[in-house]
Amino acid sequence: MLLPFLAWSSTAVFFLVRPAYDQAYEQLRVRQLPVIGSLTLAPAAEWEEMRVFRTVLGNHLIVREAGRWQHLNADTLIPWAQPDASEMQRLLEDAFNANPTRYGRVLAMENNLALTDTGVQISINWDTMSLYQTGRDTYWINKVYDIHYLRWTGYRPFDNVFGLFGLFLLMYMTFSGARMAFGRR
């Protein structure tokens, strides 16, 4: 009964202080530059949403059609295939200028994942031009979060039952303590 209480109280202090939280969950974004020249875009009727911007790779057009995102070259309106590793590295390192001490330089690229020399892993969604970053600090903060919410085994059904049982014990402990302190003597 004491173990869940100690886990909750010690991790609650962590969430109040939140060390390294800002960098661990920082939103890394592709650096968007002003579009050079004039683009005459006639939106297609089936496009539900569109975004136009320029990066170090050129002019991009991101459109949503039937609930799915598609990445087009804004100059030609042809689907833009994901570039090779060297161009993707150039795009990422341009985005890293926002916080070079956290991201450093790209060490390795495989598919849509990049690993940096600072240990940060970048996941790339080419269709939406979105970047997601996780580092060692993100991993440890997520572990503290799991401890706080009694996700100790990784097996969700057991953790849910264990969490409810822990909450029941905490309420019982609070009730019996209040009764002893304020109840009949």
Protein backbone atom coordinates (compact mmCIF):
# COMPACT_ATOMS: atom_id res chain seq x y z
CA MET A 1 0.00 0.00 0.00
CA LEU A 2 2.90 2.32 0.71
CA LEU A 3 4.69 1.67 -2.61
CA PRO A 4 2.03 3.27 -4.89
CA PHE A 5 1.75 6.21 -2.48
CA LEU A 6 5.51 6.81 -2.55
CA ALA A 7 5.58 6.48 -6.35
CA TRP A 8 2.73 8.98 -6.77
CA SER A 9 4.12 11.54 -4.36
CA SER A 10 7.72 11.43 -5.62
CA THR A 11 6.72 11.63 -9.29
CA ALA A 12 4.21 14.40 -8.51
CA VAL A 13 7.12 16.52 -7.28
CA PHE A 14 8.89 15.81 -10.58
CA PHE A 15 5.88 17.07 -12.55
CA LEU A 16 5.74 20.25 -10.48
CA VAL A 17 9.40 21.06 -11.15
CA ARG A 18 9.44 19.70 -14.75
CA PRO A 19 13.20 19.57 -15.36
CA ALA A 20 14.20 19.42 -19.06
CA TYR A 21 10.53 19.32 -20.04
CA ASP A 22 10.68 22.15 -22.58
CA GLN A 23 13.44 20.60 -24.67
CA ALA A 24 12.18 17.04 -24.31
CA TYR A 25 8.83 17.95 -25.87
CA GLU A 26 9.96 20.82 -28.10
CA GLN A 27 8.13 21.06 -31.42
CA LEU A 28 10.77 20.81 -34.13
CA ARG A 29 9.55 22.42 -37.33
CA VAL A 30 10.84 22.60 -40.88
CA ARG A 31 12.07 26.15 -41.41
CA GLN A 32 9.66 27.86 -43.79
CA LEU A 33 10.95 30.62 -46.01
CA PRO A 34 8.99 33.13 -48.09
CA VAL A 35 8.02 31.85 -51.52
CA ILE A 36 10.22 33.36 -54.23
CA GLY A 37 8.48 34.52 -57.37
CA SER A 38 4.79 34.33 -58.02
CA LEU A 39 2.92 31.09 -57.88
CA THR A 40 -0.42 30.92 -59.61
CA LEU A 41 -2.24 28.08 -57.96
CA ALA A 42 -5.76 27.14 -58.89
CA PRO A 43 -6.96 24.87 -56.09
CA ALA A 44 -8.52 21.65 -57.30
CA ALA A 45 -12.12 21.09 -56.26
CA GLU A 46 -11.21 17.94 -54.33
CA TRP A 47 -8.62 19.70 -52.16
CA GLU A 48 -9.95 20.15 -48.65
CA GLU A 49 -6.96 22.13 -47.40
CA MET A 50 -3.66 23.44 -48.77
CA ARG A 51 -0.41 24.99 -47.53
CA VAL A 52 2.25 26.67 -49.65
CA PHE A 53 5.78 27.43 -48.43
CA ARG A 54 9.43 27.25 -49.40
CA THR A 55 12.28 25.39 -47.71
CA VAL A 56 15.93 24.95 -48.64
CA LEU A 57 14.71 22.26 -51.07
CA GLY A 58 12.26 24.49 -52.98
CA ASN A 59 8.57 25.44 -53.09
CA HIS A 60 6.20 22.97 -51.44
CA LEU A 61 2.46 22.49 -51.71
CA ILE A 62 0.82 20.28 -49.11
CA VAL A 63 -2.80 19.38 -49.87
CA ARG A 64 -5.40 17.28 -48.10
CA GLU A 65 -7.64 15.29 -50.37
CA ALA A 66 -10.22 12.78 -49.12
CA GLY A 67 -8.72 13.02 -45.64
CA ARG A 68 -5.19 12.12 -46.81
CA TRP A 69 -2.23 14.47 -47.13
CA GLN A 70 -0.23 14.71 -50.34
CA HIS A 71 3.05 16.52 -50.93
CA LEU A 72 3.31 18.28 -54.29
CA ASN A 73 5.99 20.37 -55.92
CA ALA A 74 4.41 23.85 -55.90
CA ASP A 75 6.05 24.77 -59.22
CA THR A 76 4.87 21.72 -61.19
CA LEU A 77 1.92 20.37 -59.10
CA ILE A 78 3.45 16.90 -59.48
CA PRO A 79 3.67 14.66 -56.38
CA TRP A 80 7.05 15.22 -54.74
CA ALA A 81 8.74 11.95 -53.89
CA GLN A 82 10.76 11.88 -50.69
CA PRO A 83 14.28 13.12 -51.43
CA ASP A 84 17.44 11.12 -50.94
CA ALA A 85 19.28 11.04 -47.61
CA SER A 86 21.64 13.94 -48.41
CA GLU A 87 18.80 16.34 -49.29
CA MET A 88 16.78 15.19 -46.28
CA GLN A 89 19.85 15.81 -44.10
CA ARG A 90 20.12 19.33 -45.55
CA LEU A 91 16.44 19.98 -44.71
CA LEU A 92 16.87 18.65 -41.16
CA GLU A 93 20.06 20.56 -40.40
CA ASP A 94 18.36 23.74 -41.57
CA ALA A 95 15.57 23.01 -39.05
CA PHE A 96 18.19 22.28 -36.35
CA ASN A 97 19.35 25.92 -36.49
CA ALA A 98 16.45 26.69 -34.13
CA ASN A 99 18.22 24.76 -31.32
CA PRO A 100 21.67 23.48 -32.43
CA THR A 101 22.75 22.42 -28.93
CA ARG A 102 19.86 19.95 -28.71
CA TYR A 103 19.96 18.55 -32.24
CA GLY A 104 23.59 18.83 -33.30
CA ARG A 105 24.23 17.13 -36.63
CA VAL A 106 22.70 14.14 -38.39
CA LEU A 107 24.73 10.95 -37.90
CA ALA A 108 22.56 8.44 -39.72
CA MET A 109 19.39 8.36 -41.81
CA GLU A 110 17.24 5.33 -42.45
CA ASN A 111 13.83 5.55 -44.10
CA ASN A 112 12.01 8.31 -42.23
CA LEU A 113 14.24 8.30 -39.13
CA ALA A 114 17.33 10.36 -38.43
CA LEU A 115 19.73 9.98 -35.50
CA THR A 116 21.79 12.96 -34.36
CA ASP A 117 25.13 13.15 -32.60
CA THR A 118 23.34 14.41 -29.46
CA GLY A 119 21.25 11.22 -29.23
CA VAL A 120 18.02 12.79 -30.46
CA GLN A 121 15.95 10.74 -32.90
CA ILE A 122 13.92 12.61 -35.53
CA SER A 123 10.92 11.05 -37.22
CA ILE A 124 9.96 12.62 -40.56
CA ASN A 125 6.52 12.66 -42.16
CA TRP A 126 7.23 13.79 -45.72
CA ASP A 127 3.57 14.02 -46.73
CA THR A 128 2.82 16.68 -44.09
CA MET A 129 6.38 18.03 -43.70
CA SER A 130 6.19 17.30 -39.98
CA LEU A 131 9.12 16.48 -37.69
CA TYR A 132 8.87 14.67 -34.36
CA GLN A 133 11.83 14.51 -31.99
CA THR A 134 12.60 12.30 -29.01
CA GLY A 135 15.73 12.14 -26.92
CA ARG A 136 17.00 10.45 -23.80
CA ASP A 137 15.23 13.09 -21.70
CA THR A 138 11.91 12.33 -23.43
CA TYR A 139 12.39 8.63 -22.65
CA TRP A 140 13.02 9.26 -18.94
CA ILE A 141 10.17 11.73 -18.55
CA ASN A 142 7.83 9.18 -20.18
CA LYS A 143 9.08 6.55 -17.70
CA VAL A 144 8.33 8.88 -14.75
CA TYR A 145 4.88 9.46 -16.26
CA ASP A 146 4.33 5.67 -16.44
CA ILE A 147 5.37 5.27 -12.80
CA HIS A 148 3.05 8.09 -11.73
CA TYR A 149 0.06 6.49 -13.44
CA LEU A 150 0.97 2.97 -12.28
CA ARG A 151 1.84 1.67 -15.73
CA TRP A 152 4.51 -0.54 -14.24
CA THR A 153 4.32 -3.72 -16.32
CA GLY A 154 3.47 -2.46 -19.82
CA TYR A 155 0.54 -4.90 -19.93
CA ARG A 156 -2.42 -2.52 -20.04
CA PRO A 157 -5.21 -4.72 -18.56
CA PHE A 158 -3.08 -5.61 -15.54
CA ASP A 159 -1.88 -2.03 -15.08
CA ASN A 160 -5.49 -0.76 -15.15
CA VAL A 161 -6.58 -3.25 -12.47
CA PHE A 162 -3.44 -2.52 -10.45
CA GLY A 163 -4.07 1.24 -10.73
CA LEU A 164 -7.68 0.92 -9.57
CA PHE A 165 -6.61 -1.30 -6.68
CA GLY A 166 -3.93 1.25 -5.73
CA LEU A 167 -6.47 4.09 -5.80
CA PHE A 168 -8.84 2.03 -3.65
CA LEU A 169 -6.06 1.42 -1.12
CA LEU A 170 -5.15 5.11 -1.10
CA MET A 171 -8.79 6.12 -0.47
CA TYR A 172 -9.09 3.49 2.27
CA MET A 173 -5.85 4.71 3.86
CA THR A 174 -7.12 8.32 3.73
CA PHE A 175 -10.51 7.37 5.15
CA SER A 176 -9.07 5.27 7.98
CA GLY A 177 -6.48 7.96 8.82
CA ALA A 178 -9.16 10.67 8.90
CA ARG A 179 -11.37 8.48 11.08
CA MET A 180 -8.49 7.87 13.50
CA ALA A 181 -7.61 11.57 13.61
CA PHE A 182 -11.12 13.04 13.84
CA GLY A 183 -13.30 10.10 14.82
CA ARG A 184 -14.14 8.52 18.11
CA ARG A 185 -11.30 8.16 20.54
